[in-house]
């Protein structure tokens, strides 16, 4: 007879297949969801009604099997497919796809959750976030842009706001020094008119006559040549010498000033005003002109400012004698009009020019100069001139050159006046008989910085590398250039890229690049045990195992592909087949109920 049990069995089929259709529908609905993982439903039979559990074989019978009738179908569970979806390039720098088993780590309102969807973007604070606004977690960097592994932080990519400068540490040069040029023997020579008698204590005995620098009591004056004089120091008034338009090898040396010491200043410092003023003034000129007579490895540029003693070859005694550095590119051009004298009080009032300059000789010797720019730690550009001067050639052994590094941007940490060394580096370079570099002394120079940057700024000069080098071969002229240097002016982060190891590399508009973070991945022993909490997010489940935080390419976490997204792994053709089978199963289950109902109707007819 008809059984109501069959109706409930059919009902279980309807329920099970309806739930399966829910799963299939969810898969199809999310076929275009980024990194969506499809699921499938697994059925299992319910309890069976036992009529007999069967009998064992005996000597007279062969035994019987269990007699059981099933009571319907149940849902055994759903299983998520965590296989990778296809990778689709997008060209968007913040998009990241995972090729492997790892998951991104994000902060959802203070809870650490996980996702495969790498459609990230930058918010107004330049934080890397998901489409839903959850902050992506990763490793930050220290002040030296080294990744700090361990603690997870909100990843921040400050495009357009992060600035960076780098100090220059190395400069590489290339070129050829003309070894067949003339060996340097002298620098340019300039002198003034005779000012004082050099006999007796230095600079202490005035010379009789017009246009003399003379000490009258505690005052200095220079005769104007017309019977009168102007006071360099009188009643506290100070004479200021402004030096401008001076040239060295055609290069302007800038504008600087020197103030003669007043009588009160001389007394306060317990020095002779006359002698101290003249000595300080000579030192000032040496600094401005970048003159040096230091002997290095037996070589010297020979530049200096001194008082002529009237010796053979010198101008008259009492003359200020300016001897320039050797080498044609160091030839000095000094005119009388380049040395302007005014009063400090009243400010700017002109004084007749006492320093009438005469050029008595020009510099000789093969030489070459190049200018280049270096940067301090704050990105400030500093101009440096490097000059090579031929000092000696020896048959069969090669040539010797002296170099001088000069910079008008060298600071004096102890003074606000112009007595700042223009010369920052001196050295000697030797070449063999084949014109190849042999050795160099003092291949580094330093610049003092008072602008808050790292000081001193020390820069190494490379004259011979594997790819670039200076040679000393015969040519019509010498050539020299700085072909490489590190360091950079201030630059702003303009773009970024994410490597397959998760390293976020920032590119600055000054050409520098720095690591600004790293995206790690979470690895689970059983990713199918994760709990889906919506918005493409998963939470650790009781059967997923704990998250193992690893950098990409390690511990099987997979690698990252930037500028791309992982697509859904839904197989639409399989879903359609499953939907047909589910529909058939649903219809068949409903047919069981219909047939059972018909049988019950027939049973009821027997009682009429």
Protein backbone atom coordinates (compact mmCIF):
# COMPACT_ATOMS: atom_id res chain seq x y z
CA UNK A 1 0.00 0.00 0.00
CA UNK A 2 1.00 3.62 -0.35
CA UNK A 3 3.42 4.96 2.30
CA UNK A 4 3.71 8.47 3.69
CA UNK A 5 7.41 7.69 4.12
CA UNK A 6 7.86 7.94 0.35
CA UNK A 7 6.42 11.47 0.46
CA UNK A 8 8.96 12.54 3.06
CA UNK A 9 11.72 10.90 1.08
CA UNK A 10 10.64 12.92 -1.96
CA UNK A 11 10.53 16.01 0.24
CA UNK A 12 14.14 15.45 1.32
CA UNK A 13 15.09 15.29 -2.35
CA UNK A 14 13.28 18.57 -3.02
CA UNK A 15 15.02 20.28 -0.11
CA UNK A 16 18.46 18.93 -0.97
CA UNK A 17 18.25 19.82 -4.65
CA UNK A 18 16.82 23.25 -3.85
CA UNK A 19 19.85 23.95 -1.62
CA UNK A 20 22.14 22.65 -4.33
CA UNK A 21 20.51 25.03 -6.76
CA UNK A 22 21.29 27.82 -4.28
CA UNK A 23 24.98 26.91 -4.42
CA UNK A 24 24.95 26.70 -8.21
CA UNK A 25 23.12 30.01 -8.45
CA UNK A 26 25.64 31.65 -6.14
CA UNK A 27 28.51 30.35 -8.26
CA UNK A 28 26.94 31.62 -11.48
CA UNK A 29 26.08 34.98 -9.89
CA UNK A 30 29.73 35.43 -8.87
CA UNK A 31 31.31 34.29 -12.11
CA UNK A 32 32.69 37.83 -12.58
CA UNK A 33 33.59 38.46 -8.93
CA UNK A 34 37.31 39.10 -8.45
CA UNK A 35 39.09 36.01 -7.06
CA UNK A 36 35.79 34.32 -6.18
CA UNK A 37 36.11 30.68 -5.15
CA UNK A 38 33.30 28.43 -6.28
CA UNK A 39 31.62 25.83 -4.06
CA UNK A 40 29.91 22.53 -4.60
CA UNK A 41 27.33 20.67 -2.51
CA UNK A 42 27.87 17.07 -1.47
CA UNK A 43 24.83 14.83 -0.79
CA UNK A 44 24.64 11.88 1.56
CA UNK A 45 21.84 9.35 2.28
CA UNK A 46 19.96 9.64 5.54
CA UNK A 47 19.26 6.75 7.93
CA UNK A 48 18.00 3.52 6.47
CA UNK A 49 15.10 1.43 7.81
CA UNK A 50 16.44 -2.03 8.61
CA UNK A 51 14.27 -5.09 7.94
CA UNK A 52 17.17 -7.44 8.41
CA UNK A 53 20.85 -7.02 8.99
CA UNK A 54 21.50 -10.21 7.00
CA UNK A 55 22.66 -13.67 8.03
CA UNK A 56 25.98 -15.41 7.84
CA UNK A 57 26.52 -18.45 5.66
CA UNK A 58 25.89 -21.83 7.32
CA UNK A 59 26.41 -25.40 6.36
CA UNK A 60 23.00 -25.48 4.69
CA UNK A 61 22.47 -21.85 3.52
CA UNK A 62 24.60 -19.33 1.70
CA UNK A 63 23.72 -16.37 3.97
CA UNK A 64 21.64 -13.26 3.21
CA UNK A 65 22.49 -9.57 2.81
CA UNK A 66 20.96 -6.76 4.91
CA UNK A 67 17.45 -5.71 3.99
CA UNK A 68 17.33 -1.88 4.23
CA UNK A 69 15.22 0.86 2.76
CA UNK A 70 16.64 4.40 2.65
CA UNK A 71 14.78 7.30 4.21
CA UNK A 72 15.90 10.04 1.80
CA UNK A 73 18.83 12.37 1.10
CA UNK A 74 20.64 14.89 3.29
CA UNK A 75 23.25 17.61 2.73
CA UNK A 76 26.64 16.22 3.75
CA UNK A 77 28.30 19.63 3.33
CA UNK A 78 29.64 22.21 0.93
CA UNK A 79 33.18 22.21 -0.37
CA UNK A 80 34.97 25.39 -1.54
CA UNK A 81 37.28 25.13 -4.53
CA UNK A 82 40.44 27.11 -3.68
CA UNK A 83 42.16 26.47 -6.99
CA UNK A 84 43.59 29.59 -8.65
CA UNK A 85 41.49 31.51 -11.10
CA UNK A 86 42.84 32.93 -14.35
CA UNK A 87 45.04 36.06 -14.20
CA UNK A 88 43.74 39.10 -16.05
CA UNK A 89 46.10 42.05 -16.71
CA UNK A 90 44.67 45.47 -15.80
CA UNK A 91 47.67 47.80 -16.01
CA UNK A 92 46.70 49.42 -12.70
CA UNK A 93 49.72 49.59 -10.37
CA UNK A 94 47.69 48.97 -7.22
CA UNK A 95 46.04 45.79 -8.58
CA UNK A 96 47.71 42.60 -7.37
CA UNK A 97 46.98 38.95 -8.13
CA UNK A 98 48.22 35.92 -6.22
CA UNK A 99 49.59 32.95 -8.07
CA UNK A 100 49.66 30.34 -5.34
CA UNK A 101 47.87 29.46 -2.10
CA UNK A 102 48.38 32.61 -0.02
CA UNK A 103 45.86 35.28 0.95
CA UNK A 104 46.23 39.01 1.50
CA UNK A 105 45.91 40.28 5.07
CA UNK A 106 43.55 43.19 5.72
CA UNK A 107 42.24 45.06 8.74
CA UNK A 108 38.43 45.09 8.89
CA UNK A 109 37.42 47.39 11.75
CA UNK A 110 40.23 46.09 13.93
CA UNK A 111 39.85 42.42 13.00
CA UNK A 112 42.53 40.66 10.99
CA UNK A 113 40.86 38.95 8.04
CA UNK A 114 41.98 37.59 4.70
CA UNK A 115 41.15 37.94 1.02
CA UNK A 116 42.25 36.83 -2.42
CA UNK A 117 40.83 39.91 -4.11
CA UNK A 118 43.71 42.26 -4.92
CA UNK A 119 41.73 45.18 -6.38
CA UNK A 120 43.44 47.70 -4.10
CA UNK A 121 43.48 51.48 -4.24
CA UNK A 122 44.89 54.46 -2.33
CA UNK A 123 42.60 56.45 -0.06
CA UNK A 124 42.94 60.15 0.78
CA UNK A 125 45.58 59.36 3.41
CA UNK A 126 47.56 57.33 0.82
CA UNK A 127 46.78 54.07 2.65
CA UNK A 128 46.50 50.96 0.49
CA UNK A 129 42.92 49.74 0.95
CA UNK A 130 40.45 47.27 -0.54
CA UNK A 131 37.42 48.39 -2.53
CA UNK A 132 35.41 48.16 0.68
CA UNK A 133 37.89 50.43 2.47
CA UNK A 134 39.68 47.81 4.56
CA UNK A 135 43.37 48.66 5.07
CA UNK A 136 45.90 46.24 3.59
CA UNK A 137 48.42 45.00 6.13
CA UNK A 138 52.11 44.57 5.43
CA UNK A 139 55.67 45.31 6.50
CA UNK A 140 56.90 48.89 6.80
CA UNK A 141 60.41 50.32 6.31
CA UNK A 142 62.86 52.13 8.56
CA UNK A 143 64.58 55.47 7.97
CA UNK A 144 67.04 53.78 5.60
CA UNK A 145 64.17 52.22 3.60
CA UNK A 146 64.93 48.71 4.85
CA UNK A 147 61.94 46.40 5.30
CA UNK A 148 61.02 45.73 8.94
CA UNK A 149 59.66 42.18 8.97
CA UNK A 150 57.53 40.94 11.83
CA UNK A 151 54.94 43.45 13.00
CA UNK A 152 52.14 44.13 10.52
CA UNK A 153 51.28 47.76 9.82
CA UNK A 154 48.89 49.61 7.55
CA UNK A 155 50.64 49.95 4.21
CA UNK A 156 51.02 53.58 3.16
CA UNK A 157 52.24 54.69 -0.26
CA UNK A 158 52.59 58.51 -0.08
CA UNK A 159 52.58 59.28 -3.81
CA UNK A 160 53.01 63.02 -4.37
CA UNK A 161 53.93 63.79 -0.76
CA UNK A 162 57.04 61.76 0.14
CA UNK A 163 60.22 63.65 -0.73
CA UNK A 164 63.78 62.38 -0.83
CA UNK A 165 67.28 63.70 -1.52
CA UNK A 166 70.60 61.87 -1.51
CA UNK A 167 74.09 63.17 -0.84
CA UNK A 168 76.75 62.65 -3.48
CA UNK A 169 79.44 60.20 -2.42
CA UNK A 170 81.19 59.28 -5.67
CA UNK A 171 82.04 61.00 -8.93
CA UNK A 172 83.63 59.18 -11.89
CA UNK A 173 85.66 60.98 -14.56
CA UNK A 174 86.64 60.20 -18.11
CA UNK A 175 88.81 61.92 -20.68
CA UNK A 176 92.35 62.30 -21.94
CA UNK A 177 95.10 64.57 -20.63
CA UNK A 178 97.42 65.79 -23.37
CA UNK A 179 100.78 64.37 -22.29
CA UNK A 180 102.59 66.17 -25.13
CA UNK A 181 101.55 69.60 -23.83
CA UNK A 182 103.85 72.10 -22.13
CA UNK A 183 104.89 71.43 -18.55
CA UNK A 184 103.64 74.19 -16.25
CA UNK A 185 106.30 76.52 -14.87
CA UNK A 186 104.48 79.63 -13.67
CA UNK A 187 101.11 81.13 -12.92
CA UNK A 188 99.83 84.57 -13.88
CA UNK A 189 101.40 87.53 -12.07
CA UNK A 190 99.61 90.73 -10.95
CA UNK A 191 100.92 93.47 -8.72
CA UNK A 192 99.81 96.76 -7.17
CA UNK A 193 101.77 99.94 -6.66
CA UNK A 194 104.23 99.96 -3.78
CA UNK A 195 102.46 100.81 -0.53
CA UNK A 196 105.00 100.50 2.25
CA UNK A 197 108.56 99.82 3.26
CA UNK A 198 109.19 96.17 4.02
CA UNK A 199 112.43 96.78 5.91
CA UNK A 200 112.37 96.19 9.65
CA UNK A 201 109.34 94.51 11.22
CA UNK A 202 107.02 93.26 8.49
CA UNK A 203 104.45 95.79 7.32
CA UNK A 204 105.38 98.27 10.02
CA UNK A 205 107.37 101.00 8.28
CA UNK A 206 105.46 103.36 5.97
CA UNK A 207 106.96 104.39 2.66
CA UNK A 208 107.34 108.12 1.97
CA UNK A 209 105.50 109.40 -1.09
CA UNK A 210 102.11 109.59 -2.63
CA UNK A 211 99.70 106.67 -2.96
CA UNK A 212 101.12 104.94 0.10
CA UNK A 213 99.29 102.79 2.59
CA UNK A 214 100.45 104.57 5.75
CA UNK A 215 99.99 104.23 9.45
CA UNK A 216 99.38 107.56 11.16
CA UNK A 217 98.99 106.88 14.81
CA UNK A 218 96.27 104.26 14.99
CA UNK A 219 94.82 105.16 11.59
CA UNK A 220 95.46 103.76 8.13
CA UNK A 221 95.12 105.85 5.04
CA UNK A 222 95.86 105.52 1.37
CA UNK A 223 96.89 108.64 -0.52
CA UNK A 224 94.65 109.36 -3.49
CA UNK A 225 97.55 110.65 -5.61
CA UNK A 226 96.26 114.19 -5.58
CA UNK A 227 97.63 115.36 -2.29
CA UNK A 228 94.70 114.08 -0.24
CA UNK A 229 93.87 110.73 1.27
CA UNK A 230 90.94 108.54 2.27
CA UNK A 231 90.78 106.98 5.68
CA UNK A 232 90.58 103.22 5.91
CA UNK A 233 90.31 103.51 9.66
CA UNK A 234 89.51 106.79 11.31
CA UNK A 235 87.13 107.50 14.13
CA UNK A 236 85.80 103.96 13.96
CA UNK A 237 84.92 104.14 10.30
CA UNK A 238 85.69 100.95 8.37
CA UNK A 239 86.79 100.56 4.76
CA UNK A 240 85.18 97.69 2.82
CA UNK A 241 86.79 96.11 -0.25
CA UNK A 242 84.28 94.47 -2.63
CA UNK A 243 85.87 92.02 -5.03
CA UNK A 244 83.85 91.16 -8.13
CA UNK A 245 84.24 90.28 -11.81
CA UNK A 246 87.52 88.47 -11.14
CA UNK A 247 88.08 85.67 -13.62
CA UNK A 248 90.15 82.49 -13.57
CA UNK A 249 90.54 81.01 -17.01
CA UNK A 250 87.43 82.94 -18.10
CA UNK A 251 85.32 81.71 -15.15
CA UNK A 252 83.79 84.37 -12.89
CA UNK A 253 84.82 83.84 -9.27
CA UNK A 254 81.82 85.58 -7.74
CA UNK A 255 81.50 88.56 -5.42
CA UNK A 256 82.98 88.76 -1.91
CA UNK A 257 83.87 91.50 0.55
CA UNK A 258 86.66 92.24 3.04
CA UNK A 259 86.46 94.71 5.92
CA UNK A 260 89.60 96.38 7.20
CA UNK A 261 89.94 96.14 10.96
CA UNK A 262 89.15 99.35 12.83
CA UNK A 263 91.47 100.73 15.49
CA UNK A 264 89.04 99.67 18.21
CA UNK A 265 88.86 96.13 16.80
CA UNK A 266 92.65 95.95 16.61
CA UNK A 267 93.00 97.11 20.21
CA UNK A 268 90.34 94.64 21.39
CA UNK A 269 92.24 91.80 19.69
CA UNK A 270 95.64 93.11 20.89
CA UNK A 271 97.08 93.20 17.37
CA UNK A 272 98.73 95.79 15.18
CA UNK A 273 96.03 97.23 12.94
CA UNK A 274 98.40 97.90 10.07
CA UNK A 275 100.07 94.51 9.94
CA UNK A 276 96.94 92.47 10.71
CA UNK A 277 94.91 94.27 8.09
CA UNK A 278 97.44 93.65 5.35
CA UNK A 279 98.04 90.00 6.28
CA UNK A 280 94.31 89.33 6.52
CA UNK A 281 93.71 91.11 3.22
CA UNK A 282 96.32 88.94 1.49
CA UNK A 283 94.75 85.79 2.95
CA UNK A 284 91.38 87.01 1.77
CA UNK A 285 92.65 87.38 -1.79
CA UNK A 286 94.19 83.90 -1.71
CA UNK A 287 90.84 82.48 -0.62
CA UNK A 288 88.86 84.36 -3.26
CA UNK A 289 91.28 83.45 -6.05
CA UNK A 290 91.72 79.83 -4.95
CA UNK A 291 95.52 80.03 -4.75
CA UNK A 292 97.68 77.32 -3.20
CA UNK A 293 101.41 76.69 -2.86
CA UNK A 294 101.19 73.40 -0.94
CA UNK A 295 103.81 70.86 -2.04
CA UNK A 296 102.30 67.40 -2.66
CA UNK A 297 104.55 64.56 -3.85
CA UNK A 298 107.09 67.15 -4.96
CA UNK A 299 104.53 69.13 -7.01
CA UNK A 300 102.92 72.51 -6.35
CA UNK A 301 100.57 74.89 -8.13
CA UNK A 302 102.63 77.80 -6.83
CA UNK A 303 99.77 80.25 -6.23
CA UNK A 304 100.01 82.83 -3.44
CA UNK A 305 99.60 86.50 -2.44
CA UNK A 306 102.66 88.11 -0.86
CA UNK A 307 104.46 91.39 -0.28
CA UNK A 308 107.30 91.93 -2.71
CA UNK A 309 110.73 92.38 -1.14
CA UNK A 310 112.20 93.88 -4.31
CA UNK A 311 114.28 90.75 -4.99
CA UNK A 312 115.43 89.94 -8.50
CA UNK A 313 112.47 89.31 -10.74
CA UNK A 314 110.03 90.86 -8.27
CA UNK A 315 108.32 94.25 -8.60
CA UNK A 316 109.42 97.08 -6.25
CA UNK A 317 109.47 96.40 -2.55
CA UNK A 318 106.20 97.11 -0.75
CA UNK A 319 104.10 95.89 -3.70
CA UNK A 320 101.23 93.44 -3.19
CA UNK A 321 102.16 90.56 -5.52
CA UNK A 322 99.48 88.11 -6.71
CA UNK A 323 100.93 84.91 -8.19
CA UNK A 324 98.29 82.66 -9.73
CA UNK A 325 98.22 78.87 -9.87
CA UNK A 326 100.05 77.17 -12.71
CA UNK A 327 98.19 76.07 -15.83
CA UNK A 328 96.60 78.09 -18.62
CA UNK A 329 93.04 77.43 -17.41
CA UNK A 330 94.01 79.01 -14.08
CA UNK A 331 95.21 82.27 -15.64
CA UNK A 332 93.85 85.19 -13.61
CA UNK A 333 92.21 88.32 -14.98
CA UNK A 334 92.23 91.08 -12.35
CA UNK A 335 91.42 94.70 -13.21
CA UNK A 336 91.64 97.76 -11.01
CA UNK A 337 87.88 98.20 -11.28
CA UNK A 338 87.39 94.71 -9.84
CA UNK A 339 88.48 95.93 -6.38
CA UNK A 340 86.02 98.58 -5.17
CA UNK A 341 86.53 100.31 -1.80
CA UNK A 342 83.69 101.95 0.15
CA UNK A 343 82.96 103.02 3.70
CA UNK A 344 80.86 100.84 5.95
CA UNK A 345 79.64 104.03 7.66
CA UNK A 346 78.24 105.91 5.92
CA UNK A 347 77.30 102.78 4.00
CA UNK A 348 78.20 102.63 0.35
CA UNK A 349 80.10 105.92 0.13
CA UNK A 350 82.83 105.44 -2.46
CA UNK A 351 86.53 105.93 -1.92
CA UNK A 352 89.22 106.57 -4.50
CA UNK A 353 90.67 103.29 -5.77
CA UNK A 354 94.10 102.60 -4.26
CA UNK A 355 94.61 99.08 -5.62
CA UNK A 356 95.79 99.84 -9.14
CA UNK A 357 96.48 96.43 -10.72
CA UNK A 358 99.10 95.60 -13.33
CA UNK A 359 99.41 92.22 -15.06
CA UNK A 360 103.05 91.25 -15.36
CA UNK A 361 102.74 87.69 -16.69
CA UNK A 362 100.36 84.94 -17.80
CA UNK A 363 100.05 81.35 -16.63
CA UNK A 364 101.52 78.58 -18.74
CA UNK A 365 101.33 74.80 -18.82
CA UNK A 366 98.95 72.20 -20.27
CA UNK A 367 95.76 72.13 -18.20
CA UNK A 368 92.08 71.33 -18.37
CA UNK A 369 89.08 72.11 -16.17
CA UNK A 370 85.61 70.65 -15.84
CA UNK A 371 82.68 71.73 -13.69
CA UNK A 372 80.15 69.37 -12.13
CA UNK A 373 77.36 69.52 -9.58
CA UNK A 374 77.14 67.48 -6.39
CA UNK A 375 74.39 67.37 -3.77
CA UNK A 376 74.42 67.48 0.01
CA UNK A 377 72.12 65.37 2.18
CA UNK A 378 69.34 67.99 1.87
CA UNK A 379 69.52 67.95 -1.93
CA UNK A 380 71.21 71.36 -2.24
CA UNK A 381 73.24 71.60 -5.48
CA UNK A 382 76.91 72.54 -5.08
CA UNK A 383 79.17 73.44 -8.00
CA UNK A 384 82.69 72.05 -8.03
CA UNK A 385 85.53 72.78 -10.49
CA UNK A 386 88.22 70.15 -11.07
CA UNK A 387 91.45 71.23 -12.80
CA UNK A 388 94.39 69.11 -13.96
CA UNK A 389 97.79 70.74 -14.61
CA UNK A 390 100.76 69.01 -16.26
CA UNK A 391 103.67 69.10 -13.80
CA UNK A 392 106.29 66.79 -15.26
CA UNK A 393 107.05 64.31 -18.03
CA UNK A 394 109.80 61.75 -17.69
CA UNK A 395 111.23 59.78 -20.59
CA UNK A 396 110.15 56.18 -20.45
CA UNK A 397 108.09 56.52 -17.26
CA UNK A 398 105.09 58.71 -18.12
CA UNK A 399 103.65 61.99 -16.86
CA UNK A 400 102.66 63.62 -13.59
CA UNK A 401 99.68 65.93 -13.13
CA UNK A 402 98.39 67.89 -10.17
CA UNK A 403 94.67 68.35 -9.69
CA UNK A 404 92.81 70.95 -7.67
CA UNK A 405 89.12 70.82 -6.66
CA UNK A 406 87.51 74.20 -6.02
CA UNK A 407 84.02 75.24 -4.94
CA UNK A 408 82.48 78.60 -4.17
CA UNK A 409 79.82 76.70 -2.21
CA UNK A 410 82.20 75.60 0.55
CA UNK A 411 80.98 77.02 3.90
CA UNK A 412 82.99 78.29 6.83
CA UNK A 413 81.48 76.99 10.08
CA UNK A 414 83.34 79.57 12.18
CA UNK A 415 82.86 82.78 10.30
CA UNK A 416 80.31 84.75 8.34
CA UNK A 417 82.98 86.57 6.31
CA UNK A 418 84.43 85.54 2.95
CA UNK A 419 87.57 83.82 4.27
CA UNK A 420 86.27 80.43 3.13
CA UNK A 421 88.68 78.07 1.37
CA UNK A 422 87.78 77.90 -2.29
CA UNK A 423 90.16 74.98 -2.70
CA UNK A 424 88.72 71.82 -1.18
CA UNK A 425 91.06 69.19 -2.58
CA UNK A 426 94.60 68.84 -3.94
CA UNK A 427 96.36 65.78 -5.24
CA UNK A 428 98.84 64.32 -7.72
CA UNK A 429 98.03 61.76 -10.43
CA UNK A 430 100.65 59.72 -12.28
CA UNK A 431 100.38 57.89 -15.59
CA UNK A 432 102.74 55.30 -17.09
CA UNK A 433 104.54 55.45 -20.43
CA UNK A 434 101.45 53.99 -22.14
CA UNK A 435 99.24 56.76 -20.78
CA UNK A 436 97.47 54.48 -18.33
CA UNK A 437 96.46 55.55 -14.86
CA UNK A 438 98.93 54.42 -12.18
CA UNK A 439 98.05 56.13 -8.92
CA UNK A 440 96.60 59.23 -7.31
CA UNK A 441 96.90 60.92 -3.94
CA UNK A 442 94.00 62.50 -2.06
CA UNK A 443 91.22 61.16 -4.28
CA UNK A 444 88.58 62.69 -2.03
CA UNK A 445 87.57 66.20 -1.08
CA UNK A 446 85.21 67.61 1.52
CA UNK A 447 82.74 70.48 1.56
CA UNK A 448 81.65 72.09 4.82
CA UNK A 449 77.89 72.60 5.11
CA UNK A 450 76.18 74.97 7.56
CA UNK A 451 72.64 74.63 6.21
CA UNK A 452 71.75 71.72 8.48
CA UNK A 453 72.94 69.04 6.07
CA UNK A 454 75.44 66.35 7.01
CA UNK A 455 78.84 68.03 7.30
CA UNK A 456 81.41 67.63 6.01
CA UNK A 457 80.20 66.27 2.70
CA UNK A 458 83.01 63.95 1.60
CA UNK A 459 83.16 62.94 -2.05
CA UNK A 460 85.43 60.33 -3.61
CA UNK A 461 86.76 60.89 -7.13
CA UNK A 462 87.25 57.87 -9.37
CA UNK A 463 89.86 58.37 -12.09
CA UNK A 464 90.04 54.74 -13.17
CA UNK A 465 87.16 52.24 -13.15
CA UNK A 466 86.43 49.16 -15.23
CA UNK A 467 84.46 51.19 -17.75
CA UNK A 468 85.64 54.79 -17.38
CA UNK A 469 89.14 56.13 -16.88
CA UNK A 470 91.37 59.12 -17.47
CA UNK A 471 94.32 58.55 -19.80
CA UNK A 472 97.38 60.66 -20.56
CA UNK A 473 98.05 60.28 -24.30
CA UNK A 474 99.29 62.79 -26.84
CA UNK A 475 96.56 64.91 -28.35
CA UNK A 476 95.93 68.43 -29.59
CA UNK A 477 94.33 69.36 -26.26
CA UNK A 478 93.14 67.85 -23.00
CA UNK A 479 89.55 66.82 -22.31
CA UNK A 480 87.87 65.94 -19.01
CA UNK A 481 84.29 65.25 -17.93
CA UNK A 482 82.38 63.87 -14.97
CA UNK A 483 80.51 60.94 -16.52
CA UNK A 484 78.82 59.52 -13.44
CA UNK A 485 77.85 60.65 -9.98
CA UNK A 486 75.50 59.45 -7.31
CA UNK A 487 73.44 61.76 -5.19
CA UNK A 488 70.33 63.62 -6.18
CA UNK A 489 68.38 66.82 -5.52
CA UNK A 490 65.04 66.70 -3.78
CA UNK A 491 62.50 64.48 -5.50
CA UNK A 492 58.87 63.51 -4.90
CA UNK A 493 57.44 60.00 -5.00
CA UNK A 494 55.68 59.87 -8.33
CA UNK A 495 54.93 56.19 -8.95
CA UNK A 496 55.28 52.75 -7.42
CA UNK A 497 55.40 49.12 -8.45
CA UNK A 498 54.90 45.85 -6.61
CA UNK A 499 57.31 43.00 -7.24
CA UNK A 500 56.54 39.30 -7.22
CA UNK A 501 58.12 39.12 -3.76
CA UNK A 502 55.70 41.76 -2.48
CA UNK A 503 58.29 44.55 -2.32
CA UNK A 504 56.72 47.94 -3.02
CA UNK A 505 59.30 49.99 -4.90
CA UNK A 506 58.77 53.75 -5.03
CA UNK A 507 60.05 55.82 -7.96
CA UNK A 508 60.94 59.48 -7.33
CA UNK A 509 61.00 62.17 -9.98
CA UNK A 510 64.69 62.82 -9.30
CA UNK A 511 65.57 59.37 -10.59
CA UNK A 512 65.90 57.63 -7.22
CA UNK A 513 63.98 54.53 -6.23
CA UNK A 514 63.43 53.21 -2.71
CA UNK A 515 61.60 50.33 -1.02
CA UNK A 516 58.57 51.76 0.80
CA UNK A 517 56.95 48.56 2.06
CA UNK A 518 56.22 44.89 1.44
CA UNK A 519 52.99 42.93 1.04
CA UNK A 520 53.14 39.58 2.90
CA UNK A 521 50.74 36.65 2.47
CA UNK A 522 48.90 34.42 4.93
CA UNK A 523 49.18 30.67 4.42
CA UNK A 524 46.75 28.12 5.93
CA UNK A 525 47.18 24.37 6.21
CA UNK A 526 43.50 23.97 5.26
CA UNK A 527 42.22 27.06 3.41
CA UNK A 528 38.89 25.32 2.77
CA UNK A 529 38.29 25.59 6.51
CA UNK A 530 38.16 29.41 6.36
CA UNK A 531 34.85 31.08 7.15
CA UNK A 532 33.39 33.31 4.42
CA UNK A 533 32.20 36.56 6.02
CA UNK A 534 31.20 38.33 2.81
CA UNK A 535 32.83 41.15 0.84
CA UNK A 536 35.38 38.63 -0.45
CA UNK A 537 36.75 38.26 3.08
CA UNK A 538 37.54 35.18 5.13
CA UNK A 539 38.02 34.67 8.84
CA UNK A 540 40.12 31.96 10.47
CA UNK A 541 37.96 28.86 11.08
CA UNK A 542 38.23 26.11 13.66
CA UNK A 543 39.40 23.70 10.97
CA UNK A 544 41.53 26.08 8.88
CA UNK A 545 44.57 26.10 11.14
CA UNK A 546 46.35 29.29 12.22
CA UNK A 547 47.62 31.82 9.70
CA UNK A 548 51.32 31.56 8.84
CA UNK A 549 52.54 35.01 7.76
CA UNK A 550 55.18 34.70 5.05
CA UNK A 551 56.70 36.84 2.35
CA UNK A 552 55.70 35.86 -1.19
CA UNK A 553 57.85 33.16 -2.82
CA UNK A 554 58.39 31.54 0.59
CA UNK A 555 56.68 28.60 2.35
CA UNK A 556 54.51 27.92 -0.69
CA UNK A 557 52.61 31.19 -0.28
CA UNK A 558 52.92 31.89 -4.00
CA UNK A 559 54.04 34.96 -5.89
CA UNK A 560 52.42 38.29 -6.64
CA UNK A 561 51.62 39.62 -10.08
CA UNK A 562 51.18 43.38 -10.11
CA UNK A 563 48.94 45.20 -12.54
CA UNK A 564 46.62 42.19 -12.72
CA UNK A 565 43.68 40.59 -10.93
CA UNK A 566 42.71 36.99 -10.27
CA UNK A 567 39.39 36.09 -11.90
CA UNK A 568 36.67 33.85 -10.48
CA UNK A 569 37.39 30.14 -10.81
CA UNK A 570 33.74 29.35 -11.64
CA UNK A 571 33.47 26.87 -14.53
CA UNK A 572 30.28 28.02 -16.20
CA UNK A 573 29.85 24.91 -18.38
CA UNK A 574 30.14 22.67 -15.33
CA UNK A 575 27.65 24.83 -13.46
CA UNK A 576 25.11 24.51 -16.28
CA UNK A 577 25.49 20.72 -16.31
CA UNK A 578 25.08 20.64 -12.52
CA UNK A 579 22.03 22.88 -12.83
CA UNK A 580 20.44 20.49 -15.33
CA UNK A 581 21.14 17.52 -13.08
CA UNK A 582 19.78 19.40 -10.08
CA UNK A 583 16.65 20.36 -11.97
CA UNK A 584 16.18 16.76 -13.00
CA UNK A 585 16.69 15.56 -9.44
CA UNK A 586 14.21 18.15 -8.15
CA UNK A 587 11.61 17.14 -10.74
CA UNK A 588 12.11 13.45 -10.01
CA UNK A 589 11.71 14.03 -6.28
CA UNK A 590 8.49 15.93 -6.87
CA UNK A 591 7.32 13.06 -9.07
CA UNK A 592 7.81 10.66 -6.12
CA UNK A 593 5.47 12.81 -4.06
CA UNK A 594 2.94 12.94 -6.90
CA UNK A 595 2.97 9.18 -7.44
CA UNK A 596 2.67 8.56 -3.68
CA UNK A 597 -0.30 10.92 -3.58
CA UNK A 598 -1.94 9.03 -6.47
CA UNK A 599 -1.46 5.73 -4.70
CA UNK A 600 -3.03 7.11 -1.53
CA UNK A 601 -5.96 8.35 -3.57
CA UNK A 602 -6.42 4.85 -4.98
CA UNK A 603 -6.28 3.43 -1.47
CA UNK A 604 -8.98 5.84 -0.30
CA UNK A 605 -11.21 4.84 -3.22
CA UNK A 606 -11.33 1.28 -1.91
CA UNK A 607 -13.25 2.50 1.11
CA UNK A 608 -16.00 4.22 -0.85
